[in-house]
Amino acid sequence: MVRYIMSFHIPESQLQTATKIINSYFDALQKSGPAGMRSQCYEANSEENNFVHIKSFKKEAIANNHFKSAIFKEYLQKLTAISGKDVYFSKLYQQQTFESIY
């Protein structure tokens, strides 16, 4: 399992646009996203408009193919345009893990 993370800030004036972009991306994933991928986007603090997007892939090859896809490139391009900064995913390297029964 390989994981990637992206955090980004959206100006208040662009918040509705960001929501539309995120929803559109996830709609596209539902229709034609790759098998073997989990994608989750969270608003970290609703008052500050900070977001965290986490992607998990069963294999690195699935990640590489998705990161080259038009769906993904368009998503990043649109977020970059409204945030005013480059947005990108960074690979996560697991240091430790703990799980308990929920």
PDB file of N, CA and C in Angstrom:
ATOM      1  N   MET A   1       0.860  -1.170   0.000  1.00  0.00           N
ATOM      2  CA  MET A   1       0.000   0.000   0.000  1.00  0.00           C
ATOM      3  C   MET A   1       0.907   1.233   0.000  1.00  0.00           C
ATOM      4  N   VAL A   2       0.651   2.147  -0.900  1.00  0.00           N
ATOM      5  CA  VAL A   2       1.380   3.412  -0.944  1.00  0.00           C
ATOM      6  C   VAL A   2       0.387   4.546  -0.723  1.00  0.00           C
ATOM      7  N   ARG A   3       0.849   5.564  -0.005  1.00  0.00           N
ATOM      8  CA  ARG A   3      -0.041   6.674   0.331  1.00  0.00           C
ATOM      9  C   ARG A   3       0.612   8.003  -0.030  1.00  0.00           C
ATOM     10  N   TYR A   4      -0.262   8.936  -0.404  1.00  0.00           N
ATOM     11  CA  TYR A   4       0.154  10.294  -0.741  1.00  0.00           C
ATOM     12  C   TYR A   4      -0.756  11.270  -0.018  1.00  0.00           C
ATOM     13  N   ILE A   5      -0.209  12.453   0.273  1.00  0.00           N
ATOM     14  CA  ILE A   5      -0.991  13.474   0.959  1.00  0.00           C
ATOM     15  C   ILE A   5      -0.765  14.830   0.301  1.00  0.00           C
ATOM     16  N   MET A   6      -1.805  15.637   0.320  1.00  0.00           N
ATOM     17  CA  MET A   6      -1.711  17.011  -0.163  1.00  0.00           C
ATOM     18  C   MET A   6      -2.496  17.877   0.813  1.00  0.00           C
ATOM     19  N   SER A   7      -1.916  18.980   1.222  1.00  0.00           N
ATOM     20  CA  SER A   7      -2.663  19.945   2.028  1.00  0.00           C
ATOM     21  C   SER A   7      -2.644  21.273   1.285  1.00  0.00           C
ATOM     22  N   PHE A   8      -3.771  21.987   1.366  1.00  0.00           N
ATOM     23  CA  PHE A   8      -3.863  23.252   0.647  1.00  0.00           C
ATOM     24  C   PHE A   8      -4.857  24.170   1.331  1.00  0.00           C
ATOM     25  N   HIS A   9      -4.687  25.451   1.077  1.00  0.00           N
ATOM     26  CA  HIS A   9      -5.560  26.490   1.629  1.00  0.00           C
ATOM     27  C   HIS A   9      -6.294  27.162   0.472  1.00  0.00           C
ATOM     28  N   ILE A  10      -7.566  27.413   0.685  1.00  0.00           N
ATOM     29  CA  ILE A  10      -8.389  28.082  -0.319  1.00  0.00           C
ATOM     30  C   ILE A  10      -8.869  29.410   0.259  1.00  0.00           C
ATOM     31  N   PRO A  11      -8.673  30.518  -0.453  1.00  0.00           N
ATOM     32  CA  PRO A  11      -9.197  31.801   0.034  1.00  0.00           C
ATOM     33  C   PRO A  11     -10.722  31.742   0.182  1.00  0.00           C
ATOM     34  N   GLU A  12     -11.230  32.474   1.138  1.00  0.00           N
ATOM     35  CA  GLU A  12     -12.670  32.503   1.418  1.00  0.00           C
ATOM     36  C   GLU A  12     -13.486  32.772   0.152  1.00  0.00           C
ATOM     37  N   SER A  13     -13.011  33.678  -0.670  1.00  0.00           N
ATOM     38  CA  SER A  13     -13.748  34.056  -1.884  1.00  0.00           C
ATOM     39  C   SER A  13     -13.850  32.914  -2.901  1.00  0.00           C
ATOM     40  N   GLN A  14     -13.017  31.889  -2.753  1.00  0.00           N
ATOM     41  CA  GLN A  14     -12.985  30.772  -3.704  1.00  0.00           C
ATOM     42  C   GLN A  14     -13.529  29.469  -3.115  1.00  0.00           C
ATOM     43  N   LEU A  15     -14.091  29.541  -1.924  1.00  0.00           N
ATOM     44  CA  LEU A  15     -14.508  28.320  -1.228  1.00  0.00           C
ATOM     45  C   LEU A  15     -15.586  27.543  -1.987  1.00  0.00           C
ATOM     46  N   GLN A  16     -16.584  28.223  -2.506  1.00  0.00           N
ATOM     47  CA  GLN A  16     -17.630  27.525  -3.270  1.00  0.00           C
ATOM     48  C   GLN A  16     -17.065  26.895  -4.537  1.00  0.00           C
ATOM     49  N   THR A  17     -16.158  27.595  -5.180  1.00  0.00           N
ATOM     50  CA  THR A  17     -15.520  27.055  -6.379  1.00  0.00           C
ATOM     51  C   THR A  17     -14.711  25.814  -6.026  1.00  0.00           C
ATOM     52  N   ALA A  18     -13.993  25.858  -4.904  1.00  0.00           N
ATOM     53  CA  ALA A  18     -13.206  24.703  -4.463  1.00  0.00           C
ATOM     54  C   ALA A  18     -14.102  23.496  -4.220  1.00  0.00           C
ATOM     55  N   THR A  19     -15.227  23.725  -3.579  1.00  0.00           N
ATOM     56  CA  THR A  19     -16.165  22.635  -3.316  1.00  0.00           C
ATOM     57  C   THR A  19     -16.644  22.010  -4.622  1.00  0.00           C
ATOM     58  N   LYS A  20     -16.921  22.832  -5.615  1.00  0.00           N
ATOM     59  CA  LYS A  20     -17.355  22.325  -6.922  1.00  0.00           C
ATOM     60  C   LYS A  20     -16.244  21.522  -7.596  1.00  0.00           C
ATOM     61  N   ILE A  21     -15.010  22.009  -7.505  1.00  0.00           N
ATOM     62  CA  ILE A  21     -13.867  21.312  -8.111  1.00  0.00           C
ATOM     63  C   ILE A  21     -13.667  19.951  -7.451  1.00  0.00           C
ATOM     64  N   ILE A  22     -13.691  19.931  -6.128  1.00  0.00           N
ATOM     65  CA  ILE A  22     -13.500  18.677  -5.388  1.00  0.00           C
ATOM     66  C   ILE A  22     -14.620  17.694  -5.719  1.00  0.00           C
ATOM     67  N   ASN A  23     -15.860  18.166  -5.696  1.00  0.00           N
ATOM     68  CA  ASN A  23     -16.993  17.288  -6.008  1.00  0.00           C
ATOM     69  C   ASN A  23     -16.917  16.754  -7.433  1.00  0.00           C
ATOM     70  N   SER A  24     -16.522  17.600  -8.363  1.00  0.00           N
ATOM     71  CA  SER A  24     -16.391  17.186  -9.758  1.00  0.00           C
ATOM     72  C   SER A  24     -15.315  16.108  -9.910  1.00  0.00           C
ATOM     73  N   TYR A  25     -14.191  16.279  -9.212  1.00  0.00           N
ATOM     74  CA  TYR A  25     -13.111  15.297  -9.258  1.00  0.00           C
ATOM     75  C   TYR A  25     -13.587  13.945  -8.725  1.00  0.00           C
ATOM     76  N   PHE A  26     -14.279  13.973  -7.596  1.00  0.00           N
ATOM     77  CA  PHE A  26     -14.753  12.720  -7.017  1.00  0.00           C
ATOM     78  C   PHE A  26     -15.847  12.079  -7.872  1.00  0.00           C
ATOM     79  N   ASP A  27     -16.663  12.882  -8.525  1.00  0.00           N
ATOM     80  CA  ASP A  27     -17.644  12.340  -9.472  1.00  0.00           C
ATOM     81  C   ASP A  27     -16.927  11.635 -10.626  1.00  0.00           C
ATOM     82  N   ALA A  28     -15.869  12.252 -11.127  1.00  0.00           N
ATOM     83  CA  ALA A  28     -15.092  11.650 -12.216  1.00  0.00           C
ATOM     84  C   ALA A  28     -14.438  10.347 -11.761  1.00  0.00           C
ATOM     85  N   LEU A  29     -13.954  10.312 -10.519  1.00  0.00           N
ATOM     86  CA  LEU A  29     -13.368   9.076  -9.994  1.00  0.00           C
ATOM     87  C   LEU A  29     -14.412   7.969  -9.919  1.00  0.00           C
ATOM     88  N   GLN A  30     -15.621   8.329  -9.491  1.00  0.00           N
ATOM     89  CA  GLN A  30     -16.694   7.331  -9.411  1.00  0.00           C
ATOM     90  C   GLN A  30     -16.978   6.721 -10.783  1.00  0.00           C
ATOM     91  N   LYS A  31     -16.888   7.537 -11.818  1.00  0.00           N
ATOM     92  CA  LYS A  31     -17.210   7.079 -13.174  1.00  0.00           C
ATOM     93  C   LYS A  31     -16.061   6.318 -13.828  1.00  0.00           C
ATOM     94  N   SER A  32     -14.839   6.811 -13.635  1.00  0.00           N
ATOM     95  CA  SER A  32     -13.736   6.195 -14.376  1.00  0.00           C
ATOM     96  C   SER A  32     -12.420   6.196 -13.608  1.00  0.00           C
ATOM     97  N   GLY A  33     -12.489   6.196 -12.293  1.00  0.00           N
ATOM     98  CA  GLY A  33     -11.266   6.152 -11.495  1.00  0.00           C
ATOM     99  C   GLY A  33     -10.647   4.766 -11.512  1.00  0.00           C
ATOM    100  N   PRO A  34      -9.374   4.676 -11.171  1.00  0.00           N
ATOM    101  CA  PRO A  34      -8.692   3.381 -11.215  1.00  0.00           C
ATOM    102  C   PRO A  34      -9.138   2.456 -10.084  1.00  0.00           C
ATOM    103  N   ALA A  35      -9.114   1.167 -10.359  1.00  0.00           N
ATOM    104  CA  ALA A  35      -9.321   0.179  -9.301  1.00  0.00           C
ATOM    105  C   ALA A  35      -8.064   0.160  -8.439  1.00  0.00           C
ATOM    106  N   GLY A  36      -8.205  -0.138  -7.176  1.00  0.00           N
ATOM    107  CA  GLY A  36      -7.054  -0.214  -6.289  1.00  0.00           C
ATOM    108  C   GLY A  36      -6.630   1.121  -5.723  1.00  0.00           C
ATOM    109  N   MET A  37      -7.556   2.081  -5.652  1.00  0.00           N
ATOM    110  CA  MET A  37      -7.233   3.401  -5.114  1.00  0.00           C
ATOM    111  C   MET A  37      -8.328   3.840  -4.155  1.00  0.00           C
ATOM    112  N   ARG A  38      -7.925   4.475  -3.070  1.00  0.00           N
ATOM    113  CA  ARG A  38      -8.858   5.147  -2.166  1.00  0.00           C
ATOM    114  C   ARG A  38      -8.443   6.611  -2.134  1.00  0.00           C
ATOM    115  N   SER A  39      -9.412   7.499  -2.238  1.00  0.00           N
ATOM    116  CA  SER A  39      -9.140   8.931  -2.240  1.00  0.00           C
ATOM    117  C   SER A  39     -10.089   9.599  -1.259  1.00  0.00           C
ATOM    118  N   GLN A  40      -9.536  10.386  -0.337  1.00  0.00           N
ATOM    119  CA  GLN A  40     -10.334  11.047   0.689  1.00  0.00           C
ATOM    120  C   GLN A  40      -9.897  12.496   0.815  1.00  0.00           C
ATOM    121  N   CYS A  41     -10.865  13.404   0.808  1.00  0.00           N
ATOM    122  CA  CYS A  41     -10.569  14.820   0.981  1.00  0.00           C
ATOM    123  C   CYS A  41     -11.310  15.319   2.212  1.00  0.00           C
ATOM    124  N   TYR A  42     -10.586  16.019   3.081  1.00  0.00           N
ATOM    125  CA  TYR A  42     -11.143  16.532   4.328  1.00  0.00           C
ATOM    126  C   TYR A  42     -10.923  18.031   4.411  1.00  0.00           C
ATOM    127  N   GLU A  43     -11.877  18.719   4.986  1.00  0.00           N
ATOM    128  CA  GLU A  43     -11.659  20.121   5.326  1.00  0.00           C
ATOM    129  C   GLU A  43     -11.124  20.115   6.749  1.00  0.00           C
ATOM    130  N   ALA A  44      -9.877  20.558   6.914  1.00  0.00           N
ATOM    131  CA  ALA A  44      -9.199  20.442   8.199  1.00  0.00           C
ATOM    132  C   ALA A  44      -9.743  21.416   9.234  1.00  0.00           C
ATOM    133  N   ASN A  45     -10.100  22.601   8.808  1.00  0.00           N
ATOM    134  CA  ASN A  45     -10.660  23.592   9.721  1.00  0.00           C
ATOM    135  C   ASN A  45     -11.596  24.465   8.910  1.00  0.00           C
ATOM    136  N   SER A  46     -12.881  24.309   9.130  1.00  0.00           N
ATOM    137  CA  SER A  46     -13.860  24.988   8.279  1.00  0.00           C
ATOM    138  C   SER A  46     -13.781  26.505   8.366  1.00  0.00           C
ATOM    139  N   GLU A  47     -13.238  27.028   9.446  1.00  0.00           N
ATOM    140  CA  GLU A  47     -13.124  28.481   9.574  1.00  0.00           C
ATOM    141  C   GLU A  47     -11.886  29.034   8.876  1.00  0.00           C
ATOM    142  N   GLU A  48     -10.931  28.161   8.581  1.00  0.00           N
ATOM    143  CA  GLU A  48      -9.685  28.609   7.962  1.00  0.00           C
ATOM    144  C   GLU A  48      -9.538  28.147   6.518  1.00  0.00           C
ATOM    145  N   ASN A  49     -10.485  27.335   6.041  1.00  0.00           N
ATOM    146  CA  ASN A  49     -10.480  26.854   4.656  1.00  0.00           C
ATOM    147  C   ASN A  49      -9.232  26.051   4.301  1.00  0.00           C
ATOM    148  N   ASN A  50      -8.780  25.225   5.234  1.00  0.00           N
ATOM    149  CA  ASN A  50      -7.651  24.337   4.999  1.00  0.00           C
ATOM    150  C   ASN A  50      -8.166  22.942   4.672  1.00  0.00           C
ATOM    151  N   PHE A  51      -7.557  22.332   3.678  1.00  0.00           N
ATOM    152  CA  PHE A  51      -7.984  21.016   3.222  1.00  0.00           C
ATOM    153  C   PHE A  51      -6.813  20.042   3.250  1.00  0.00           C
ATOM    154  N   VAL A  52      -7.137  18.765   3.422  1.00  0.00           N
ATOM    155  CA  VAL A  52      -6.168  17.679   3.344  1.00  0.00           C
ATOM    156  C   VAL A  52      -6.764  16.621   2.423  1.00  0.00           C
ATOM    157  N   HIS A  53      -5.986  16.174   1.459  1.00  0.00           N
ATOM    158  CA  HIS A  53      -6.435  15.138   0.536  1.00  0.00           C
ATOM    159  C   HIS A  53      -5.449  13.981   0.645  1.00  0.00           C
ATOM    160  N   ILE A  54      -5.964  12.796   0.937  1.00  0.00           N
ATOM    161  CA  ILE A  54      -5.142  11.597   1.119  1.00  0.00           C
ATOM    162  C   ILE A  54      -5.519  10.575   0.056  1.00  0.00           C
ATOM    163  N   LYS A  55      -4.516   9.998  -0.555  1.00  0.00           N
ATOM    164  CA  LYS A  55      -4.732   8.945  -1.551  1.00  0.00           C
ATOM    165  C   LYS A  55      -3.967   7.700  -1.123  1.00  0.00           C
ATOM    166  N   SER A  56      -4.618   6.557  -1.248  1.00  0.00           N
ATOM    167  CA  SER A  56      -3.983   5.265  -0.978  1.00  0.00           C
ATOM    168  C   SER A  56      -4.125   4.400  -2.221  1.00  0.00           C
ATOM    169  N   PHE A  57      -3.054   3.747  -2.580  1.00  0.00           N
ATOM    170  CA  PHE A  57      -3.039   2.879  -3.757  1.00  0.00           C
ATOM    171  C   PHE A  57      -2.518   1.507  -3.361  1.00  0.00           C
ATOM    172  N   LYS A  58      -3.084   0.467  -3.964  1.00  0.00           N
ATOM    173  CA  LYS A  58      -2.609  -0.888  -3.688  1.00  0.00           C
ATOM    174  C   LYS A  58      -1.197  -1.094  -4.222  1.00  0.00           C
ATOM    175  N   LYS A  59      -0.891  -0.442  -5.349  1.00  0.00           N
ATOM    176  CA  LYS A  59       0.423  -0.596  -5.978  1.00  0.00           C
ATOM    177  C   LYS A  59       0.918   0.748  -6.487  1.00  0.00           C
ATOM    178  N   GLU A  60       2.217   0.908  -6.507  1.00  0.00           N
ATOM    179  CA  GLU A  60       2.843   2.133  -7.014  1.00  0.00           C
ATOM    180  C   GLU A  60       2.476   2.379  -8.475  1.00  0.00           C
ATOM    181  N   ALA A  61       2.362   1.313  -9.256  1.00  0.00           N
ATOM    182  CA  ALA A  61       2.019   1.463 -10.676  1.00  0.00           C
ATOM    183  C   ALA A  61       0.642   2.105 -10.852  1.00  0.00           C
ATOM    184  N   ILE A  62      -0.296   1.778  -9.982  1.00  0.00           N
ATOM    185  CA  ILE A  62      -1.629   2.388 -10.050  1.00  0.00           C
ATOM    186  C   ILE A  62      -1.521   3.882  -9.773  1.00  0.00           C
ATOM    187  N   ALA A  63      -0.717   4.239  -8.774  1.00  0.00           N
ATOM    188  CA  ALA A  63      -0.498   5.654  -8.443  1.00  0.00           C
ATOM    189  C   ALA A  63       0.119   6.387  -9.631  1.00  0.00           C
ATOM    190  N   ASN A  64       1.160   5.814 -10.200  1.00  0.00           N
ATOM    191  CA  ASN A  64       1.843   6.463 -11.321  1.00  0.00           C
ATOM    192  C   ASN A  64       0.899   6.695 -12.498  1.00  0.00           C
ATOM    193  N   ASN A  65       0.075   5.705 -12.805  1.00  0.00           N
ATOM    194  CA  ASN A  65      -0.882   5.862 -13.907  1.00  0.00           C
ATOM    195  C   ASN A  65      -1.918   6.929 -13.589  1.00  0.00           C
ATOM    196  N   HIS A  66      -2.422   6.936 -12.369  1.00  0.00           N
ATOM    197  CA  HIS A  66      -3.433   7.933 -12.012  1.00  0.00           C
ATOM    198  C   HIS A  66      -2.852   9.348 -12.055  1.00  0.00           C
ATOM    199  N   PHE A  67      -1.628   9.513 -11.563  1.00  0.00           N
ATOM    200  CA  PHE A  67      -1.017  10.838 -11.535  1.00  0.00           C
ATOM    201  C   PHE A  67      -0.741  11.378 -12.940  1.00  0.00           C
ATOM    202  N   LYS A  68      -0.760  10.521 -13.941  1.00  0.00           N
ATOM    203  CA  LYS A  68      -0.595  10.945 -15.336  1.00  0.00           C
ATOM    204  C   LYS A  68      -1.934  11.186 -16.033  1.00  0.00           C
ATOM    205  N   SER A  69      -3.037  10.854 -15.366  1.00  0.00           N
ATOM    206  CA  SER A  69      -4.354  10.918 -16.002  1.00  0.00           C
ATOM    207  C   SER A  69      -4.848  12.352 -16.165  1.00  0.00           C
ATOM    208  N   ALA A  70      -5.698  12.542 -17.158  1.00  0.00           N
ATOM    209  CA  ALA A  70      -6.289  13.863 -17.411  1.00  0.00           C
ATOM    210  C   ALA A  70      -7.162  14.308 -16.241  1.00  0.00           C
ATOM    211  N   ILE A  71      -7.890  13.378 -15.638  1.00  0.00           N
ATOM    212  CA  ILE A  71      -8.751  13.702 -14.487  1.00  0.00           C
ATOM    213  C   ILE A  71      -7.921  14.334 -13.375  1.00  0.00           C
ATOM    214  N   PHE A  72      -6.799  13.696 -13.056  1.00  0.00           N
ATOM    215  CA  PHE A  72      -5.945  14.158 -11.968  1.00  0.00           C
ATOM    216  C   PHE A  72      -5.272  15.485 -12.306  1.00  0.00           C
ATOM    217  N   LYS A  73      -4.733  15.590 -13.509  1.00  0.00           N
ATOM    218  CA  LYS A  73      -4.048  16.822 -13.913  1.00  0.00           C
ATOM    219  C   LYS A  73      -4.995  18.018 -13.896  1.00  0.00           C
ATOM    220  N   GLU A  74      -6.217  17.809 -14.355  1.00  0.00           N
ATOM    221  CA  GLU A  74      -7.208  18.884 -14.353  1.00  0.00           C
ATOM    222  C   GLU A  74      -7.554  19.306 -12.923  1.00  0.00           C
ATOM    223  N   TYR A  75      -7.685  18.341 -12.037  1.00  0.00           N
ATOM    224  CA  TYR A  75      -7.969  18.614 -10.625  1.00  0.00           C
ATOM    225  C   TYR A  75      -6.895  19.523 -10.016  1.00  0.00           C
ATOM    226  N   LEU A  76      -5.638  19.144 -10.183  1.00  0.00           N
ATOM    227  CA  LEU A  76      -4.545  19.952  -9.633  1.00  0.00           C
ATOM    228  C   LEU A  76      -4.480  21.329 -10.280  1.00  0.00           C
ATOM    229  N   GLN A  77      -4.682  21.379 -11.581  1.00  0.00           N
ATOM    230  CA  GLN A  77      -4.638  22.656 -12.304  1.00  0.00           C
ATOM    231  C   GLN A  77      -5.703  23.613 -11.771  1.00  0.00           C
ATOM    232  N   LYS A  78      -6.905  23.123 -11.581  1.00  0.00           N
ATOM    233  CA  LYS A  78      -7.989  23.974 -11.088  1.00  0.00           C
ATOM    234  C   LYS A  78      -7.751  24.424  -9.650  1.00  0.00           C
ATOM    235  N   LEU A  79      -7.265  23.525  -8.799  1.00  0.00           N
ATOM    236  CA  LEU A  79      -6.978  23.917  -7.413  1.00  0.00           C
ATOM    237  C   LEU A  79      -5.843  24.937  -7.350  1.00  0.00           C
ATOM    238  N   THR A  80      -4.830  24.751  -8.173  1.00  0.00           N
ATOM    239  CA  THR A  80      -3.726  25.709  -8.229  1.00  0.00           C
ATOM    240  C   THR A  80      -4.234  27.084  -8.639  1.00  0.00           C
ATOM    241  N   ALA A  81      -5.121  27.122  -9.613  1.00  0.00           N
ATOM    242  CA  ALA A  81      -5.644  28.398 -10.113  1.00  0.00           C
ATOM    243  C   ALA A  81      -6.400  29.169  -9.033  1.00  0.00           C
ATOM    244  N   ILE A  82      -7.191  28.483  -8.221  1.00  0.00           N
ATOM    245  CA  ILE A  82      -7.984  29.211  -7.220  1.00  0.00           C
ATOM    246  C   ILE A  82      -7.249  29.429  -5.905  1.00  0.00           C
ATOM    247  N   SER A  83      -6.246  28.598  -5.619  1.00  0.00           N
ATOM    248  CA  SER A  83      -5.508  28.778  -4.363  1.00  0.00           C
ATOM    249  C   SER A  83      -4.388  29.798  -4.509  1.00  0.00           C
ATOM    250  N   GLY A  84      -3.940  30.014  -5.744  1.00  0.00           N
ATOM    251  CA  GLY A  84      -2.850  30.952  -5.977  1.00  0.00           C
ATOM    252  C   GLY A  84      -1.483  30.361  -5.691  1.00  0.00           C
ATOM    253  N   LYS A  85      -1.441  29.069  -5.385  1.00  0.00           N
ATOM    254  CA  LYS A  85      -0.175  28.379  -5.106  1.00  0.00           C
ATOM    255  C   LYS A  85      -0.201  27.017  -5.786  1.00  0.00           C
ATOM    256  N   ASP A  86       1.003  26.513  -6.093  1.00  0.00           N
ATOM    257  CA  ASP A  86       1.078  25.162  -6.639  1.00  0.00           C
ATOM    258  C   ASP A  86       0.611  24.170  -5.586  1.00  0.00           C
ATOM    259  N   VAL A  87      -0.233  23.237  -5.993  1.00  0.00           N
ATOM    260  CA  VAL A  87      -0.660  22.159  -5.099  1.00  0.00           C
ATOM    261  C   VAL A  87      -0.093  20.856  -5.645  1.00  0.00           C
ATOM    262  N   TYR A  88       0.299  19.971  -4.760  1.00  0.00           N
ATOM    263  CA  TYR A  88       0.909  18.714  -5.182  1.00  0.00           C
ATOM    264  C   TYR A  88       0.788  17.686  -4.061  1.00  0.00           C
ATOM    265  N   PHE A  89       0.882  16.433  -4.443  1.00  0.00           N
ATOM    266  CA  PHE A  89       0.858  15.335  -3.487  1.00  0.00           C
ATOM    267  C   PHE A  89       2.281  14.933  -3.139  1.00  0.00           C
ATOM    268  N   SER A  90       2.495  14.595  -1.881  1.00  0.00           N
ATOM    269  CA  SER A  90       3.777  14.080  -1.407  1.00  0.00           C
ATOM    270  C   SER A  90       3.579  12.644  -0.943  1.00  0.00           C
ATOM    271  N   LYS A  91       4.536  11.812  -1.248  1.00  0.00           N
ATOM    272  CA  LYS A  91       4.461  10.413  -0.828  1.00  0.00           C
ATOM    273  C   LYS A  91       4.705  10.320   0.672  1.00  0.00           C
ATOM    274  N   LEU A  92       3.920   9.485   1.331  1.00  0.00           N
ATOM    275  CA  LEU A  92       4.077   9.251   2.761  1.00  0.00           C
ATOM    276  C   LEU A  92       4.867   7.966   2.978  1.00  0.00           C
ATOM    277  N   TYR A  93       5.784   8.007   3.935  1.00  0.00           N
ATOM    278  CA  TYR A  93       6.556   6.833   4.310  1.00  0.00           C
ATOM    279  C   TYR A  93       6.197   6.487   5.744  1.00  0.00           C
ATOM    280  N   GLN A  94       5.662   5.291   5.941  1.00  0.00           N
ATOM    281  CA  GLN A  94       5.183   4.895   7.261  1.00  0.00           C
ATOM    282  C   GLN A  94       6.341   4.710   8.231  1.00  0.00           C
ATOM    283  N   GLN A  95       6.221   5.341   9.382  1.00  0.00           N
ATOM    284  CA  GLN A  95       7.212   5.193  10.439  1.00  0.00           C
ATOM    285  C   GLN A  95       6.741   4.190  11.492  1.00  0.00           C
ATOM    286  N   GLN A  96       5.520   4.361  11.943  1.00  0.00           N
ATOM    287  CA  GLN A  96       4.930   3.477  12.946  1.00  0.00           C
ATOM    288  C   GLN A  96       3.439   3.376  12.678  1.00  0.00           C
ATOM    289  N   THR A  97       2.822   2.362  13.218  1.00  0.00           N
ATOM    290  CA  THR A  97       1.372   2.241  13.110  1.00  0.00           C
ATOM    291  C   THR A  97       0.820   1.586  14.366  1.00  0.00           C
ATOM    292  N   PHE A  98      -0.409   1.922  14.689  1.00  0.00           N
ATOM    293  CA  PHE A  98      -1.115   1.308  15.807  1.00  0.00           C
ATOM    294  C   PHE A  98      -2.576   1.193  15.421  1.00  0.00           C
ATOM    295  N   GLU A  99      -3.165   0.058  15.680  1.00  0.00           N
ATOM    296  CA  GLU A  99      -4.589  -0.131  15.450  1.00  0.00           C
ATOM    297  C   GLU A  99      -5.182  -0.791  16.675  1.00  0.00           C
ATOM    298  N   SER A 100      -6.398  -0.396  17.003  1.00  0.00           N
ATOM    299  CA  SER A 100      -7.125  -1.062  18.073  1.00  0.00           C
ATOM    300  C   SER A 100      -8.505  -1.422  17.554  1.00  0.00           C
ATOM    301  N   ILE A 101      -9.172  -2.237  18.271  1.00  0.00           N
ATOM    302  CA  ILE A 101     -10.527  -2.624  17.871  1.00  0.00           C
ATOM    303  C   ILE A 101     -11.447  -1.460  18.139  1.00  0.00           C
ATOM    304  N   TYR A 102     -12.226  -1.084  17.158  1.00  0.00           N
ATOM    305  CA  TYR A 102     -13.126   0.064  17.297  1.00  0.00           C
ATOM    306  C   TYR A 102     -14.324  -0.327  18.108  1.00  0.00           C
TER     307      TYR A 102
END
